[in-house]
Each structure stands twice: as structure tokens, then as C-alpha cells.
Amino acid sequence: MATMGKVSRHSQNCIATVFCLLISAPLVSDAHESWPRFRGPNGSGVYTTHEFPVIFSANSFLWTAGLAGIGHSSPVIANGRVFTASANQETGEQVLEAWDLLSGTKLWSRCLPGHISPKHEFNSFASSTPALDGERLYYAWAVPESLRMVALSQGDGAVVWQVDLGPFASQHGFGASPIVFKDLVILPNEQDQESSVVALDAATGKIRWKTPRRTQKTAYSTPCLLETDRVGPQLILSSWSHGIASLDPQSGEPLWELNLFHNRTVASPIVVDDIIVASSGEGGIGREMFVVRCSDASRGKPEVMYEVKSNIPYVPTPVVYEGKLYLLYDKGVMSCVELTSGELVWRQRLPGEYFSSPVILGGKIYCISRSGTVVVMATGDRFHLLGRSELGEGTHSTPAVADGILVIRAFRNLFAVRAIDPS
């Protein structure tokens, strides 16, 4: 077993030394990569360009930065910038911030109105993850009186447009995240009262389509897109009220649904080729998970391949890599399953509990517990613990990565980890 590393969140003292290393051996190129939404491109949670340390030490960190507020929103990255969302715990005011990816320098900060409203003790007032295109940042937040969406310029944080989508009712607060599809920003608004999925014009904020949805408890899952040679494009959503469902992303027209769930959705659906994985749960426990295949060119209903019966994630979204499905159960159990058959390959208990979703970085699985334990495992047919470290601060957020830099958002701070120099 690898030895445990201990990293304080106050490791700023080593920043100057690390900057010198950066200057002497840069890993980034002029062509910037992006991590433009929750869990990266199409929500896959997979990044293969660089490898990262399996044990974090003080020298692993390029920089750390203090956030203006607290939140569970995950960072996003584009054009060499990191974007974060936080909230003032006393007022509910929203704060969006931009950081230089290479140095951690704060580039701008934008405050947006908010106020204190009821939420689950594990939720925050800033839990939605922004979405990015080439020019703008899109962010959603809600109080009972209104669900709001804003578009900001990535360059300077200027407000491009802002819309009010009406009241939002939920016993646990808000948390769904938008995605970008071509020139549309799509946001699921599946709440305890009148629900819908809405697509806004990315340039103007005008509603391009709005599809009503049945109401059965708020959904916190973020949609993704399915498109193959035979099928698509389709917008894939998951919720208690509609199970696993598909809309035409251009028009909002419902295409099909598999009404499989009897609990709320928090984890997001994922798509690998023509296979969809989605789950639901309640009371802090994942209770239903289905793997379905959508191979009908006529856009008929997909077939259920199998149901996962045990150690089902509730909050963490699973990840697929090289034909294997990795499931992180909230209570600290990682399962490896053959994606196409559902056969269990291995299962292992991990330290701590988890809300952050696992990501694959350079062919390895990275998981971060609620208390800030970073656990790194090998992918493949056998469980192999590669490293375990302590951030020194908890997190409910999922990391972002681009240009050879891993960005971890803890409750109050950002941590940037540099990829391993291949030389």
C-alpha cells in the first residue's frame, strides 16, 4: 500500500518555488483544452492527455486560492481560465470568479443577488456548475421566488444577459446544472411544482423551446448528449417523474422515456457510444440503477441491458473507461463492473464517504471524500490502491482538468495540481 501524504490547505508557502518549476518546465501548450461543464466534455469524467501524481505532497500544488464564498459547484475550465461559483452563507449572494489556470491569479469577480432559503444540510447556496462555450459562461441559481440564469463574458465577467425562469420549489434547494448544445443553453427545471426543460438562445437568453415535464420531486441530475452513427443527437435526462428520457435537443420534442425510477435523481446520466447509465435513490442511498442500450435508428425506446442491484451510487456519478463501469457508492465502496454484461469484476471499500464523482485521469481513478481524502486506484481487472493523500479540507465538488492542470474545489479553497512531467 502506498504511504499517506499530508497536505495542509495553508500550503501557500511553497507557491514561489513551484512557480519557478512551472517556468522552467511548462506542460501547457498554446492550444487550450477545455472542461466546459459538470464532469467535463459531455459529462464523461475522463481525461487522458496527462498523468498526475498518485500521492499529493506540498510540491504537487501549483497554487492555492481562497474563494469568496462557500459552495459545492464544480470548477470549469476554458481558454486558460478556471471559473468557480460560490455563495455568501449569511446573505445567499452569488459570486462568480475567474482565475488564471497557470498562476492562480484572480482575473475578475462578479456578484449576483440571492438570499437565504431552505435547503438540505448537505446542499449549498451555490451547487450548480457553470457551463461554457467559446465566449460566455452560463450559470443558474434559485431561491423560492425565482430560478435565474445568467450569461457572463468569460473575458471580464460582464453580464451579457440574465433571465428569470419563474418560481422554484424544492425542500432541498437547487443544484441542477446547464449544458451547452450548439447555440443553445439547456437547463432542466424539474422541481416540486411546475416543471420543464428549457433551452435558451446562448447569445440573447431568449427561450427557444420549453418542454413541460411531470412533477415528482426535484431532480439534481445534469443531462448529456447521445449521438452515434445510428442514433442522435438526443438529449438524455434522468428524473423520478420520467425515468431515463430523451428529447430532441434542437426542438425539445420528447422522443422516448423509460419510466424506471421510484426515487429522486441526484447522480447524472452518462453515455458511452449507444449505452446509457443512470440511477436514482433516496435517504442518502442509491436504490435503482439501469444500463440501457439505444441502438434503434428510428429513435424507438432503448432496451434495458441489466439492473445494478447493490452498492449503487446516489450522489456520485459513475465513470466508464475501457469497457468497465466504475461505481462509487456514497458510503465508500468502489465497484468495477463489465459495462456490457453487468458482471462484477471487483469491489473494494474505500476510506470515508463521497459526494464528489470519480474521474479518470491518465488511466487512473481519482476519488475525493467529503473530508478531503484523495484516493487513487488503478483501472482494470484487479483492485490496486496507488495512493492516498489528505487535502486538509473537505469537498462535495468534482474536479476539473485541462492543459495538464487538475483543479480541485474544496469548500473554501481551490487547489491546482500539476501533471507529471513526462521527461
Protein backbone atom coordinates (compact mmCIF):
# COMPACT_ATOMS: atom_id res chain seq x y z
CA MET A 1 0.00 0.00 0.00
CA ALA A 2 1.31 3.46 -0.84
CA THR A 3 2.20 5.72 2.04
CA MET A 4 -0.13 8.54 3.08
CA GLY A 5 0.79 12.12 2.21
CA LYS A 6 -0.41 15.07 4.31
CA VAL A 7 -1.09 18.42 2.65
CA SER A 8 -2.33 21.44 4.59
CA ARG A 9 -4.75 23.80 2.90
CA HIS A 10 -2.36 26.55 4.01
CA SER A 11 0.45 25.32 1.76
CA GLN A 12 0.80 28.71 0.07
CA ASN A 13 4.37 28.95 1.38
CA CYS A 14 5.60 26.69 -1.39
CA ILE A 15 3.95 28.63 -4.23
CA ALA A 16 7.03 30.67 -5.17
CA THR A 17 9.14 27.53 -5.50
CA VAL A 18 6.51 25.82 -7.60
CA PHE A 19 6.19 28.83 -9.92
CA CYS A 20 9.90 28.51 -10.67
CA LEU A 21 9.32 24.90 -11.63
CA LEU A 22 6.47 25.99 -13.85
CA ILE A 23 8.60 28.50 -15.72
CA SER A 24 11.43 26.03 -16.27
CA ALA A 25 9.27 23.10 -17.43
CA PRO A 26 5.85 24.13 -18.74
CA LEU A 27 3.42 21.40 -19.69
CA VAL A 28 0.74 23.54 -21.30
CA SER A 29 0.57 24.47 -24.97
CA ASP A 30 -0.82 27.42 -26.83
CA ALA A 31 -3.87 25.35 -27.86
CA HIS A 32 -6.02 25.31 -24.73
CA GLU A 33 -8.07 22.31 -23.69
CA SER A 34 -11.44 22.78 -22.01
CA TRP A 35 -13.54 21.20 -19.25
CA PRO A 36 -16.71 23.10 -20.14
CA ARG A 37 -19.40 21.64 -17.89
CA PHE A 38 -20.02 19.36 -14.91
CA ARG A 39 -17.62 16.39 -15.30
CA GLY A 40 -16.06 17.72 -18.49
CA PRO A 41 -16.86 17.04 -22.15
CA ASN A 42 -20.35 15.51 -22.33
CA GLY A 43 -20.11 14.69 -18.62
CA SER A 44 -17.75 11.76 -19.21
CA GLY A 45 -15.35 12.49 -16.33
CA VAL A 46 -12.43 11.12 -18.40
CA TYR A 47 -9.13 12.91 -19.21
CA THR A 48 -6.29 11.02 -20.87
CA THR A 49 -3.86 13.71 -22.07
CA HIS A 50 -1.64 13.80 -18.96
CA GLU A 51 -0.89 11.76 -15.85
CA PHE A 52 -0.96 13.19 -12.33
CA PRO A 53 0.68 12.28 -9.01
CA VAL A 54 -0.94 9.42 -7.13
CA ILE A 55 0.16 10.91 -3.81
CA PHE A 56 -0.12 14.66 -3.29
CA SER A 57 2.64 16.47 -1.42
CA ALA A 58 3.17 20.21 -0.93
CA ASN A 59 5.25 20.25 -4.11
CA SER A 60 2.36 18.79 -6.13
CA PHE A 61 0.46 22.07 -5.94
CA LEU A 62 0.97 24.88 -8.44
CA TRP A 63 -1.16 27.25 -6.42
CA THR A 64 -3.99 27.53 -3.96
CA ALA A 65 -6.57 30.30 -3.81
CA GLY A 66 -9.25 31.32 -1.37
CA LEU A 67 -12.80 31.50 -2.70
CA ALA A 68 -15.13 34.42 -1.96
CA GLY A 69 -17.78 32.11 -0.51
CA ILE A 70 -18.78 28.50 0.06
CA GLY A 71 -20.31 26.14 -2.47
CA HIS A 72 -20.48 22.67 -3.94
CA SER A 73 -20.40 23.88 -7.55
CA SER A 74 -17.62 22.22 -9.53
CA PRO A 75 -14.99 24.28 -11.37
CA VAL A 76 -14.97 24.56 -15.16
CA ILE A 77 -12.09 25.49 -17.46
CA ALA A 78 -11.72 27.12 -20.89
CA ASN A 79 -9.24 29.39 -22.66
CA GLY A 80 -6.67 29.08 -19.89
CA ARG A 81 -9.11 30.23 -17.21
CA VAL A 82 -10.81 28.49 -14.28
CA PHE A 83 -14.34 29.59 -13.34
CA THR A 84 -15.99 28.99 -9.97
CA ALA A 85 -19.33 29.73 -8.27
CA SER A 86 -19.73 30.39 -4.55
CA ALA A 87 -22.25 31.95 -2.20
CA ASN A 88 -22.15 34.12 0.89
CA GLN A 89 -23.50 31.93 3.68
CA GLU A 90 -25.00 34.92 5.52
CA THR A 91 -26.81 36.58 2.60
CA GLY A 92 -27.06 33.96 -0.18
CA GLU A 93 -25.36 36.39 -2.58
CA GLN A 94 -23.79 34.53 -5.52
CA VAL A 95 -20.17 35.14 -6.51
CA LEU A 96 -18.69 34.01 -9.82
CA GLU A 97 -14.92 34.22 -10.11
CA ALA A 98 -12.34 33.67 -12.86
CA TRP A 99 -8.78 32.55 -12.24
CA ASP A 100 -5.73 32.20 -14.44
CA LEU A 101 -5.21 28.47 -14.81
CA LEU A 102 -1.43 28.63 -14.82
CA SER A 103 -0.81 31.07 -11.96
CA GLY A 104 -3.99 31.14 -9.86
CA THR A 105 -4.27 34.92 -10.24
CA LYS A 106 -7.84 36.12 -9.83
CA LEU A 107 -8.93 37.77 -13.09
CA TRP A 108 -12.39 39.02 -12.13
CA SER A 109 -15.27 38.58 -9.71
CA ARG A 110 -18.98 39.13 -10.32
CA CYS A 111 -21.62 39.32 -7.54
CA LEU A 112 -25.24 38.37 -8.22
CA PRO A 113 -28.27 38.76 -5.95
CA GLY A 114 -29.50 35.95 -3.73
CA HIS A 115 -30.91 35.35 -0.29
CA ILE A 116 -31.13 32.66 2.35
CA SER A 117 -33.78 29.99 1.72
CA PRO A 118 -34.43 26.43 2.96
CA LYS A 119 -32.13 23.68 1.69
CA HIS A 120 -30.82 20.28 2.69
CA GLU A 121 -27.99 20.37 5.24
CA PHE A 122 -25.68 18.75 2.65
CA ASN A 123 -26.61 21.21 -0.09
CA SER A 124 -25.20 24.72 -0.54
CA PHE A 125 -26.46 28.03 -1.92
CA ALA A 126 -24.10 27.55 -4.90
CA SER A 127 -24.32 23.93 -6.06
CA SER A 128 -24.97 24.35 -9.79
CA THR A 129 -21.89 24.02 -12.03
CA PRO A 130 -21.49 26.66 -14.77
CA ALA A 131 -21.34 25.72 -18.45
CA LEU A 132 -19.04 27.29 -21.03
CA ASP A 133 -18.86 27.84 -24.76
CA GLY A 134 -16.13 29.71 -26.63
CA GLU A 135 -17.13 33.15 -25.31
CA ARG A 136 -19.55 33.04 -22.40
CA LEU A 137 -20.17 31.44 -19.02
CA TYR A 138 -23.72 30.30 -18.16
CA TYR A 139 -24.83 29.86 -14.56
CA ALA A 140 -28.11 29.02 -12.82
CA TRP A 141 -29.19 29.53 -9.21
CA ALA A 142 -32.54 29.60 -7.47
CA VAL A 143 -34.45 30.91 -4.50
CA PRO A 144 -38.14 30.08 -4.00
CA GLU A 145 -39.21 33.26 -5.79
CA SER A 146 -37.19 32.69 -8.95
CA LEU A 147 -34.90 30.41 -10.91
CA ARG A 148 -32.35 32.60 -12.67
CA MET A 149 -29.90 32.06 -15.49
CA VAL A 150 -27.12 34.49 -16.35
CA ALA A 151 -24.59 34.70 -19.17
CA LEU A 152 -21.28 36.41 -18.46
CA SER A 153 -18.37 37.30 -20.71
CA GLN A 154 -15.51 34.94 -19.93
CA GLY A 155 -13.03 37.72 -20.55
CA ASP A 156 -14.17 40.28 -17.98
CA GLY A 157 -17.27 38.91 -16.20
CA ALA A 158 -19.62 41.46 -17.76
CA VAL A 159 -23.29 40.43 -17.74
CA VAL A 160 -24.41 39.62 -21.29
CA TRP A 161 -27.97 38.67 -20.33
CA GLN A 162 -29.98 37.48 -17.37
CA VAL A 163 -33.40 35.81 -17.30
CA ASP A 164 -35.91 34.87 -14.60
CA LEU A 165 -37.50 31.45 -15.27
CA GLY A 166 -40.15 31.73 -12.56
CA PRO A 167 -40.62 30.28 -9.06
CA PHE A 168 -38.62 27.31 -7.86
CA ALA A 169 -39.96 24.94 -5.19
CA SER A 170 -37.86 22.25 -3.52
CA GLN A 171 -37.44 21.05 0.04
CA HIS A 172 -33.70 20.52 -0.55
CA GLY A 173 -32.78 23.62 -2.58
CA PHE A 174 -31.34 23.93 -6.09
CA GLY A 175 -28.50 22.07 -7.78
CA ALA A 176 -29.08 21.13 -11.44
CA SER A 177 -26.51 22.40 -13.94
CA PRO A 178 -26.89 23.72 -17.50
CA ILE A 179 -25.16 22.37 -20.61
CA VAL A 180 -24.40 23.95 -23.97
CA PHE A 181 -25.59 22.40 -27.24
CA LYS A 182 -24.57 24.32 -30.36
CA ASP A 183 -26.14 27.79 -29.89
CA LEU A 184 -28.42 26.71 -27.04
CA VAL A 185 -28.06 26.63 -23.27
CA ILE A 186 -30.23 23.83 -21.88
CA LEU A 187 -31.34 23.70 -18.24
CA PRO A 188 -33.51 21.05 -16.56
CA ASN A 189 -36.04 22.70 -14.25
CA GLU A 190 -37.54 19.59 -12.64
CA GLN A 191 -38.81 20.74 -9.25
CA ASP A 192 -41.55 20.08 -6.72
CA GLN A 193 -44.06 22.24 -8.63
CA GLU A 194 -44.49 23.08 -12.33
CA SER A 195 -41.50 21.53 -14.13
CA SER A 196 -39.89 21.80 -17.54
CA VAL A 197 -36.71 21.59 -19.55
CA VAL A 198 -35.83 24.90 -21.16
CA ALA A 199 -33.41 25.87 -23.95
CA LEU A 200 -32.23 29.47 -24.18
CA ASP A 201 -30.52 31.23 -27.05
CA ALA A 202 -26.88 31.41 -25.99
CA ALA A 203 -26.39 34.88 -27.42
CA THR A 204 -29.58 36.57 -26.18
CA GLY A 205 -31.14 34.46 -23.39
CA LYS A 206 -34.45 34.23 -25.24
CA ILE A 207 -36.36 30.97 -24.79
CA ARG A 208 -36.04 28.86 -27.94
CA TRP A 209 -38.06 25.93 -26.59
CA LYS A 210 -39.64 24.85 -23.32
CA THR A 211 -40.85 21.28 -22.77
CA PRO A 212 -43.23 20.61 -19.86
CA ARG A 213 -42.34 17.77 -17.50
CA ARG A 214 -44.34 15.81 -14.95
CA THR A 215 -43.58 16.72 -11.35
CA GLN A 216 -42.29 14.19 -8.81
CA LYS A 217 -39.66 15.74 -6.53
CA THR A 218 -36.78 17.90 -7.65
CA ALA A 219 -34.13 16.31 -9.88
CA TYR A 220 -30.49 17.33 -9.47
CA SER A 221 -29.01 15.45 -12.41
CA THR A 222 -27.29 17.17 -15.33
CA PRO A 223 -28.21 15.98 -18.86
CA CYS A 224 -25.83 14.76 -21.54
CA LEU A 225 -26.00 14.09 -25.27
CA LEU A 226 -26.19 10.83 -27.19
CA GLU A 227 -25.11 10.76 -30.81
CA THR A 228 -23.81 7.81 -32.83
CA ASP A 229 -23.79 6.85 -36.50
CA ARG A 230 -27.22 5.26 -35.95
CA VAL A 231 -28.79 7.45 -33.29
CA GLY A 232 -28.94 11.08 -32.32
CA PRO A 233 -28.47 13.73 -31.45
CA GLN A 234 -30.58 13.14 -28.35
CA LEU A 235 -30.69 14.96 -25.05
CA ILE A 236 -30.57 12.35 -22.26
CA LEU A 237 -32.13 13.24 -18.91
CA SER A 238 -32.94 11.36 -15.72
CA SER A 239 -35.61 12.13 -13.12
CA TRP A 240 -38.08 10.39 -10.86
CA SER A 241 -41.01 11.60 -12.97
CA HIS A 242 -39.71 10.42 -16.37
CA GLY A 243 -37.03 7.85 -15.53
CA ILE A 244 -34.46 7.85 -18.31
CA ALA A 245 -35.79 10.06 -21.10
CA SER A 246 -34.77 11.59 -24.41
CA LEU A 247 -35.62 14.92 -26.03
CA ASP A 248 -34.63 16.34 -29.39
CA PRO A 249 -32.07 18.98 -28.33
CA GLN A 250 -32.94 21.23 -31.27
CA SER A 251 -36.69 21.40 -30.64
CA GLY A 252 -37.36 19.92 -27.20
CA GLU A 253 -39.67 17.28 -28.72
CA PRO A 254 -39.94 14.20 -26.46
CA LEU A 255 -38.54 11.14 -28.22
CA TRP A 256 -38.86 8.32 -25.67
CA GLU A 257 -38.79 7.56 -21.97
CA LEU A 258 -38.21 4.53 -19.77
CA ASN A 259 -40.17 5.16 -16.59
CA LEU A 260 -37.90 3.03 -14.41
CA PHE A 261 -37.35 5.06 -11.25
CA HIS A 262 -39.23 5.27 -7.98
CA ASN A 263 -36.84 7.71 -6.29
CA ARG A 264 -35.25 11.09 -6.99
CA THR A 265 -32.19 11.52 -9.20
CA VAL A 266 -29.05 13.27 -7.99
CA ALA A 267 -26.29 11.50 -9.95
CA SER A 268 -26.25 12.39 -13.64
CA PRO A 269 -26.73 10.02 -16.57
CA ILE A 270 -23.68 9.14 -18.64
CA VAL A 271 -23.43 7.99 -22.24
CA VAL A 272 -20.78 5.73 -23.80
CA ASP A 273 -21.41 5.14 -27.50
CA ASP A 274 -25.05 3.95 -27.52
CA ILE A 275 -25.14 2.86 -23.86
CA ILE A 276 -26.74 4.97 -21.11
CA VAL A 277 -26.17 4.54 -17.37
CA ALA A 278 -28.47 6.27 -14.87
CA SER A 279 -29.54 5.88 -11.26
CA SER A 280 -31.90 7.15 -8.57
CA GLY A 281 -32.04 6.98 -4.79
CA GLU A 282 -33.39 8.37 -1.55
CA GLY A 283 -32.26 8.93 2.01
CA GLY A 284 -28.59 9.09 1.09
CA ILE A 285 -28.62 5.69 -0.62
CA GLY A 286 -28.69 4.74 -4.30
CA ARG A 287 -31.64 2.42 -4.82
CA GLU A 288 -32.01 1.85 -8.59
CA MET A 289 -29.50 1.81 -11.44
CA PHE A 290 -30.11 0.72 -15.00
CA VAL A 291 -27.85 0.29 -18.01
CA VAL A 292 -29.70 0.61 -21.32
CA ARG A 293 -28.74 0.49 -24.99
CA CYS A 294 -30.19 2.88 -27.55
CA SER A 295 -29.41 1.29 -30.90
CA ASP A 296 -32.63 1.89 -32.83
CA ALA A 297 -32.10 4.32 -35.71
CA SER A 298 -35.81 5.11 -35.66
CA ARG A 299 -35.36 6.57 -32.14
CA GLY A 300 -37.53 3.95 -30.51
CA LYS A 301 -37.21 3.12 -26.84
CA PRO A 302 -33.88 1.63 -25.83
CA GLU A 303 -33.61 -1.83 -24.31
CA VAL A 304 -32.68 -2.41 -20.69
CA MET A 305 -29.43 -4.38 -20.67
CA TYR A 306 -29.34 -5.01 -16.91
CA GLU A 307 -30.02 -3.52 -13.49
CA VAL A 308 -27.30 -2.98 -10.90
CA LYS A 309 -28.60 -4.42 -7.63
CA SER A 310 -26.19 -3.37 -4.87
CA ASN A 311 -23.76 -0.64 -3.77
CA ILE A 312 -25.49 1.86 -6.05
CA PRO A 313 -24.28 5.48 -6.02
CA TYR A 314 -26.80 8.13 -5.01
CA VAL A 315 -24.86 11.40 -5.36
CA PRO A 316 -21.63 10.41 -7.22
CA THR A 317 -21.97 9.98 -10.98
CA PRO A 318 -20.24 6.82 -12.31
CA VAL A 319 -17.47 6.77 -14.88
CA VAL A 320 -16.65 4.37 -17.74
CA TYR A 321 -13.17 3.58 -19.03
CA GLU A 322 -12.03 0.90 -21.48
CA GLY A 323 -15.24 -1.10 -21.25
CA LYS A 324 -15.57 -1.06 -17.48
CA LEU A 325 -18.10 0.82 -15.37
CA TYR A 326 -16.79 2.22 -12.08
CA LEU A 327 -19.39 2.93 -9.40
CA LEU A 328 -18.56 4.90 -6.26
CA TYR A 329 -21.13 4.22 -3.54
CA ASP A 330 -21.60 7.24 -1.26
CA LYS A 331 -20.66 5.27 1.85
CA GLY A 332 -17.24 4.41 0.45
CA VAL A 333 -17.36 1.32 -1.77
CA MET A 334 -15.93 1.23 -5.29
CA SER A 335 -17.24 -1.40 -7.71
CA CYS A 336 -15.85 -2.31 -11.12
CA VAL A 337 -18.43 -3.82 -13.49
CA GLU A 338 -18.20 -5.02 -17.08
CA LEU A 339 -20.20 -2.38 -18.94
CA THR A 340 -21.87 -4.63 -21.49
CA SER A 341 -22.71 -7.57 -19.22
CA GLY A 342 -23.03 -6.15 -15.70
CA GLU A 343 -20.64 -8.81 -14.37
CA LEU A 344 -18.88 -7.70 -11.18
CA VAL A 345 -15.11 -7.58 -11.68
CA TRP A 346 -14.09 -6.35 -8.21
CA ARG A 347 -15.42 -4.42 -5.25
CA GLN A 348 -13.42 -2.67 -2.54
CA ARG A 349 -14.15 -0.47 0.47
CA LEU A 350 -12.55 2.98 0.49
CA PRO A 351 -11.95 5.36 3.39
CA GLY A 352 -14.63 7.96 4.07
CA GLU A 353 -17.91 8.98 2.42
CA TYR A 354 -18.26 10.58 -1.02
CA PHE A 355 -20.34 13.21 -2.82
CA SER A 356 -17.66 14.11 -5.37
CA SER A 357 -17.85 11.99 -8.51
CA PRO A 358 -14.87 9.83 -9.56
CA VAL A 359 -12.81 10.93 -12.55
CA ILE A 360 -10.34 9.05 -14.74
CA LEU A 361 -7.04 10.91 -15.12
CA GLY A 362 -4.33 9.35 -17.26
CA GLY A 363 -5.94 5.91 -16.93
CA LYS A 364 -6.24 6.05 -13.12
CA ILE A 365 -9.31 6.57 -10.91
CA TYR A 366 -9.28 9.62 -8.62
CA CYS A 367 -11.87 9.91 -5.83
CA ILE A 368 -12.07 12.64 -3.18
CA SER A 369 -14.04 12.03 0.01
CA ARG A 370 -16.25 14.52 1.82
CA SER A 371 -13.46 15.09 4.33
CA GLY A 372 -10.79 15.65 1.64
CA THR A 373 -9.12 12.24 1.34
CA VAL A 374 -7.79 11.73 -2.20
CA VAL A 375 -7.79 8.05 -3.15
CA VAL A 376 -6.16 6.91 -6.40
CA MET A 377 -6.71 3.44 -7.87
CA ALA A 378 -5.66 1.58 -10.97
CA THR A 379 -8.23 0.79 -13.63
CA GLY A 380 -8.56 -2.77 -14.90
CA ASP A 381 -9.33 -6.29 -13.78
CA ARG A 382 -7.88 -6.08 -10.26
CA PHE A 383 -8.19 -3.55 -7.47
CA HIS A 384 -4.90 -1.77 -6.82
CA LEU A 385 -4.59 1.18 -4.47
CA LEU A 386 -1.95 3.53 -5.89
CA GLY A 387 -2.01 6.37 -3.38
CA ARG A 388 -3.87 8.16 -0.64
CA SER A 389 -3.43 11.80 0.44
CA GLU A 390 -5.18 14.41 2.55
CA LEU A 391 -6.17 17.81 1.18
CA GLY A 392 -6.77 19.19 4.65
CA GLU A 393 -10.22 20.45 3.63
CA GLY A 394 -13.47 18.76 2.66
CA THR A 395 -15.28 18.90 -0.67
CA HIS A 396 -18.56 17.89 -2.28
CA SER A 397 -17.38 19.01 -5.74
CA THR A 398 -15.98 17.09 -8.70
CA PRO A 399 -12.52 18.14 -10.00
CA ALA A 400 -11.87 19.76 -13.37
CA VAL A 401 -8.80 19.30 -15.56
CA ALA A 402 -7.33 20.88 -18.68
CA ASP A 403 -3.92 21.83 -20.08
CA GLY A 404 -2.15 19.45 -17.73
CA ILE A 405 -3.56 21.08 -14.58
CA LEU A 406 -6.02 19.43 -12.19
CA VAL A 407 -8.25 21.86 -10.26
CA ILE A 408 -9.89 20.68 -7.04
CA ARG A 409 -12.55 22.84 -5.45
CA ALA A 410 -12.82 22.39 -1.70
CA PHE A 411 -15.43 24.18 0.43
CA ARG A 412 -13.43 27.42 0.73
CA ASN A 413 -10.33 26.99 -1.45
CA LEU A 414 -9.10 25.98 -4.88
CA PHE A 415 -6.14 23.62 -5.29
CA ALA A 416 -4.27 23.30 -8.59
CA VAL A 417 -2.15 20.18 -9.17
CA ARG A 418 0.38 19.98 -11.97
CA ALA A 419 0.65 16.93 -14.20
CA ILE A 420 3.73 14.70 -14.04
CA ASP A 421 6.50 15.89 -16.33
CA PRO A 422 6.89 13.05 -18.87
CA SER A 423 10.62 13.76 -19.17
